[in-house]
Amino acid sequence: MNKLQEKLDFLLDKYSVETKAVLKDAKTVVIDGKELTVLAHRSERRFIELKNMVNNGTLVGVSVMRVARIIEKGSNLYVALYRELDLCQYILQRKIKSIMVMENDNVLNAIATTEDGVVCTIEISATLKAGEPAKDKHEIISQRGIACDVVVDAQLKQDSIYVFGAENQKYTDVDFELYGLSIEEIAVVRAAFAIAQNKNCQEIEAIDANLCELVEMAKRSAMNGEREVM
């Protein structure tokens, strides 16, 4: 965390943000004594661009958002669901009003519906070996076009540069100010910086409260086998 804090302090100093922000961990930032959920995934460029396409007229008549995510064996499925529910609401800019969940051991399937009828299907499985990076895919289907954060006919997202030799290496730089960090680490720093800069602590708390309520609804649905409505 020291490396991420150094990068965060660099941004705060560079842009003269007086609010002090301290990263407690990759999911939590402390600002003015408050512990806030970072929601780092919102700062990843692929999700920002999906959101733009949904809301700037590129996609018309959105009907379905499909999500698939594979995480490490033993991971909490509902922590992963929290992230994906937030991404659905953030990208679509719509509130989820109902959810139904089917859970079996290390697999979870959810069907969530937004206030205007867009269906979000979420498939999560905890089957990867320890240390293996999570794999995911987000696809949006509309009357005019389909958008996806993985290129056509690919199962996995690609890196920008590959070097093949005695030791294969790959490189992907996505931020001109935060070299040396992974995409996920950059997202954590950017998200924490945005909260400190915008001073929108109450908004972040409201988002977290809404997501926690949705997750509790999902757990109840998994237990009773029924659709839960907010």
Protein backbone atom coordinates (compact mmCIF):
# COMPACT_ATOMS: atom_id res chain seq x y z
CA MET A 1 0.00 0.00 0.00
CA ASN A 2 2.96 2.33 0.46
CA LYS A 3 3.49 2.54 -3.29
CA LEU A 4 -0.16 3.39 -3.91
CA GLN A 5 -0.15 5.98 -1.13
CA GLU A 6 2.93 7.63 -2.63
CA LYS A 7 1.17 7.91 -6.01
CA LEU A 8 -1.96 9.27 -4.35
CA ASP A 9 0.05 11.86 -2.42
CA PHE A 10 1.75 12.83 -5.70
CA LEU A 11 -1.60 13.54 -7.37
CA LEU A 12 -2.96 15.43 -4.37
CA ASP A 13 0.14 17.64 -4.32
CA LYS A 14 0.29 18.12 -8.11
CA TYR A 15 -3.32 19.30 -8.34
CA SER A 16 -3.25 21.25 -5.04
CA VAL A 17 -5.97 19.20 -3.37
CA GLU A 18 -5.90 20.11 0.31
CA THR A 19 -8.09 17.24 1.48
CA LYS A 20 -5.98 14.52 3.09
CA ALA A 21 -6.67 11.03 1.79
CA VAL A 22 -5.10 7.86 3.23
CA LEU A 23 -5.54 4.44 1.65
CA LYS A 24 -6.33 1.90 4.37
CA ASP A 25 -6.34 -0.90 1.80
CA ALA A 26 -7.21 -1.38 -1.87
CA LYS A 27 -10.93 -1.02 -1.11
CA THR A 28 -10.99 1.70 1.55
CA VAL A 29 -9.82 5.31 1.77
CA VAL A 30 -9.92 7.45 4.92
CA ILE A 31 -10.93 11.09 4.36
CA ASP A 32 -11.65 13.50 7.22
CA GLY A 33 -11.77 10.55 9.60
CA LYS A 34 -14.36 8.69 7.49
CA GLU A 35 -13.71 5.29 5.98
CA LEU A 36 -15.15 5.25 2.46
CA THR A 37 -15.45 2.48 -0.10
CA VAL A 38 -13.16 3.34 -3.01
CA LEU A 39 -15.24 1.77 -5.83
CA ALA A 40 -12.03 1.57 -7.84
CA HIS A 41 -13.59 -0.34 -10.75
CA ARG A 42 -15.43 2.84 -11.79
CA SER A 43 -12.09 4.41 -12.67
CA GLU A 44 -11.07 1.73 -15.18
CA ARG A 45 -11.11 3.18 -18.69
CA ARG A 46 -13.00 0.23 -20.19
CA PHE A 47 -15.97 0.85 -17.91
CA ILE A 48 -15.90 4.61 -18.41
CA GLU A 49 -16.08 4.10 -22.17
CA LEU A 50 -18.90 1.55 -21.88
CA LYS A 51 -20.81 4.08 -19.80
CA ASN A 52 -20.18 6.76 -22.43
CA MET A 53 -21.47 4.54 -25.24
CA VAL A 54 -24.64 3.71 -23.32
CA ASN A 55 -25.40 7.32 -22.44
CA ASN A 56 -24.19 9.42 -25.38
CA GLY A 57 -26.46 7.93 -28.02
CA THR A 58 -24.02 5.40 -29.49
CA LEU A 59 -26.20 2.55 -28.23
CA VAL A 60 -29.96 2.96 -28.60
CA GLY A 61 -32.62 0.87 -26.90
CA VAL A 62 -30.45 -1.01 -24.39
CA SER A 63 -32.20 -4.22 -23.36
CA VAL A 64 -29.60 -6.48 -21.71
CA MET A 65 -26.27 -6.26 -19.90
CA ARG A 66 -24.39 -9.56 -19.61
CA VAL A 67 -21.63 -10.04 -17.04
CA ALA A 68 -19.31 -12.98 -16.43
CA ARG A 69 -16.54 -12.97 -13.79
CA ILE A 70 -14.24 -15.76 -12.60
CA ILE A 71 -12.34 -15.26 -9.34
CA GLU A 72 -10.04 -17.24 -7.03
CA LYS A 73 -11.35 -20.38 -5.39
CA GLY A 74 -12.51 -19.59 -1.86
CA SER A 75 -13.34 -15.96 -2.62
CA ASN A 76 -16.57 -14.41 -1.36
CA LEU A 77 -19.13 -14.56 -4.18
CA TYR A 78 -21.16 -11.71 -2.70
CA VAL A 79 -18.17 -9.36 -2.62
CA ALA A 80 -17.83 -10.03 -6.34
CA LEU A 81 -21.58 -9.50 -6.79
CA TYR A 82 -21.31 -6.11 -5.02
CA ARG A 83 -18.77 -5.02 -7.63
CA GLU A 84 -20.80 -6.24 -10.60
CA LEU A 85 -24.05 -4.72 -9.36
CA ASP A 86 -22.27 -1.39 -8.99
CA LEU A 87 -20.85 -1.67 -12.51
CA CYS A 88 -24.30 -2.40 -13.93
CA GLN A 89 -25.78 0.66 -12.26
CA TYR A 90 -22.79 2.87 -13.09
CA ILE A 91 -22.51 1.88 -16.76
CA LEU A 92 -26.23 1.88 -17.46
CA GLN A 93 -26.90 4.91 -15.23
CA ARG A 94 -30.00 3.14 -13.99
CA LYS A 95 -31.05 1.83 -10.58
CA ILE A 96 -31.60 -1.89 -10.04
CA LYS A 97 -35.01 -2.56 -8.50
CA SER A 98 -35.23 -6.37 -8.35
CA ILE A 99 -32.88 -9.33 -8.18
CA MET A 100 -33.05 -13.11 -8.16
CA VAL A 101 -30.06 -15.30 -7.28
CA MET A 102 -29.21 -18.97 -7.62
CA GLU A 103 -26.14 -20.08 -5.67
CA ASN A 104 -24.45 -23.47 -5.67
CA ASP A 105 -21.18 -23.91 -3.78
CA ASN A 106 -18.64 -21.76 -5.66
CA VAL A 107 -20.99 -20.52 -8.40
CA LEU A 108 -23.57 -17.72 -8.36
CA ASN A 109 -26.00 -16.65 -11.08
CA ALA A 110 -28.08 -13.50 -10.73
CA ILE A 111 -30.78 -11.83 -12.80
CA ALA A 112 -31.33 -8.19 -11.91
CA THR A 113 -33.78 -5.75 -13.49
CA THR A 114 -33.46 -1.98 -13.60
CA GLU A 115 -36.24 0.51 -12.97
CA ASP A 116 -36.98 0.78 -16.70
CA GLY A 117 -36.76 -2.93 -17.51
CA VAL A 118 -33.16 -3.47 -18.63
CA VAL A 119 -32.15 -7.03 -17.65
CA CYS A 120 -28.70 -7.64 -16.14
CA THR A 121 -27.49 -11.25 -16.09
CA ILE A 122 -24.50 -11.85 -13.81
CA GLU A 123 -22.50 -15.10 -13.71
CA ILE A 124 -19.80 -15.45 -11.04
CA SER A 125 -17.64 -18.47 -10.28
CA ALA A 126 -14.82 -18.90 -7.77
CA THR A 127 -12.73 -21.55 -9.51
CA LEU A 128 -9.32 -20.02 -10.27
CA LYS A 129 -6.16 -21.20 -8.54
CA ALA A 130 -4.57 -18.96 -5.90
CA GLY A 131 -2.78 -15.98 -7.38
CA GLU A 132 -4.49 -16.16 -10.76
CA PRO A 133 -5.86 -12.76 -11.88
CA ALA A 134 -9.64 -12.52 -12.14
CA LYS A 135 -11.20 -12.91 -15.60
CA ASP A 136 -14.30 -10.98 -16.61
CA LYS A 137 -16.39 -9.80 -19.51
CA HIS A 138 -19.11 -7.14 -19.74
CA GLU A 139 -21.40 -6.96 -22.76
CA ILE A 140 -24.29 -4.60 -23.50
CA ILE A 141 -26.97 -5.47 -26.08
CA SER A 142 -29.15 -2.80 -27.65
CA GLN A 143 -31.46 -2.28 -30.62
CA ARG A 144 -28.60 -0.55 -32.40
CA GLY A 145 -25.31 -2.23 -31.67
CA ILE A 146 -23.48 -4.27 -29.08
CA ALA A 147 -20.67 -3.03 -26.84
CA CYS A 148 -18.16 -5.21 -24.98
CA ASP A 149 -14.99 -4.64 -22.94
CA VAL A 150 -13.28 -7.61 -24.64
CA VAL A 151 -12.48 -7.54 -28.36
CA VAL A 152 -14.64 -9.56 -30.77
CA ASP A 153 -14.05 -13.34 -30.73
CA ALA A 154 -11.68 -13.12 -27.73
CA GLN A 155 -12.17 -14.82 -24.38
CA LEU A 156 -9.59 -12.77 -22.48
CA LYS A 157 -8.60 -9.10 -22.54
CA GLN A 158 -5.31 -8.43 -24.29
CA ASP A 159 -2.24 -6.45 -23.27
CA SER A 160 -0.74 -3.68 -25.40
CA ILE A 161 2.78 -5.05 -25.88
CA TYR A 162 4.12 -8.60 -25.76
CA VAL A 163 7.82 -9.50 -25.69
CA PHE A 164 8.57 -13.15 -26.43
CA GLY A 165 11.95 -14.64 -25.65
CA ALA A 166 13.65 -16.67 -22.96
CA GLU A 167 11.18 -15.04 -20.58
CA ASN A 168 7.85 -13.84 -21.99
CA GLN A 169 6.76 -10.39 -20.82
CA LYS A 170 3.78 -8.11 -21.42
CA TYR A 171 3.14 -4.42 -20.82
CA THR A 172 0.05 -2.23 -20.67
CA ASP A 173 0.37 1.41 -19.58
CA VAL A 174 -2.95 3.23 -19.29
CA ASP A 175 -2.06 6.34 -17.28
CA PHE A 176 0.60 8.92 -18.18
CA GLU A 177 1.02 9.99 -14.54
CA LEU A 178 1.05 6.63 -12.78
CA TYR A 179 3.65 4.52 -14.57
CA GLY A 180 4.66 1.29 -12.87
CA LEU A 181 1.23 0.41 -11.51
CA SER A 182 -1.15 -2.23 -12.79
CA ILE A 183 -4.53 -1.26 -14.24
CA GLU A 184 -6.23 -2.27 -10.98
CA GLU A 185 -3.76 -0.28 -8.85
CA ILE A 186 -4.16 2.79 -11.05
CA ALA A 187 -7.94 2.55 -10.63
CA VAL A 188 -7.57 2.48 -6.83
CA VAL A 189 -5.38 5.60 -6.81
CA ARG A 190 -7.57 7.49 -9.29
CA ALA A 191 -10.76 6.64 -7.42
CA ALA A 192 -9.36 7.72 -4.05
CA PHE A 193 -8.03 10.93 -5.62
CA ALA A 194 -11.42 11.69 -7.19
CA ILE A 195 -13.18 11.41 -3.82
CA ALA A 196 -10.66 13.76 -2.19
CA GLN A 197 -10.86 16.22 -5.09
CA ASN A 198 -14.66 16.22 -5.45
CA LYS A 199 -15.38 15.95 -1.72
CA ASN A 200 -18.39 13.74 -2.49
CA CYS A 201 -18.21 11.59 0.63
CA GLN A 202 -21.99 11.58 1.14
CA GLU A 203 -22.56 10.39 -2.44
CA ILE A 204 -20.08 7.52 -1.98
CA GLU A 205 -21.74 6.53 1.31
CA ALA A 206 -25.17 6.51 -0.38
CA ILE A 207 -23.87 4.33 -3.24
CA ASP A 208 -22.34 1.88 -0.75
CA ALA A 209 -25.56 1.72 1.29
CA ASN A 210 -27.60 1.00 -1.84
CA LEU A 211 -25.22 -1.77 -2.93
CA CYS A 212 -25.20 -3.36 0.52
CA GLU A 213 -29.02 -3.42 0.41
CA LEU A 214 -28.94 -5.09 -3.02
CA VAL A 215 -26.47 -7.71 -1.76
CA GLU A 216 -28.70 -8.47 1.23
CA MET A 217 -31.63 -8.87 -1.18
CA ALA A 218 -29.48 -11.25 -3.24
CA LYS A 219 -28.68 -13.35 -0.18
CA ARG A 220 -32.35 -13.58 0.75
CA SER A 221 -33.23 -14.59 -2.81
CA ALA A 222 -30.60 -17.34 -2.75
CA MET A 223 -32.16 -18.65 0.47
CA ASN A 224 -35.83 -18.49 -0.45
CA GLY A 225 -35.61 -19.04 -4.20
CA GLU A 226 -37.75 -16.00 -4.93
CA ARG A 227 -37.22 -12.66 -6.65
CA GLU A 228 -36.57 -9.82 -4.23
CA VAL A 229 -37.90 -6.35 -5.08
CA MET A 230 -36.60 -3.10 -3.60
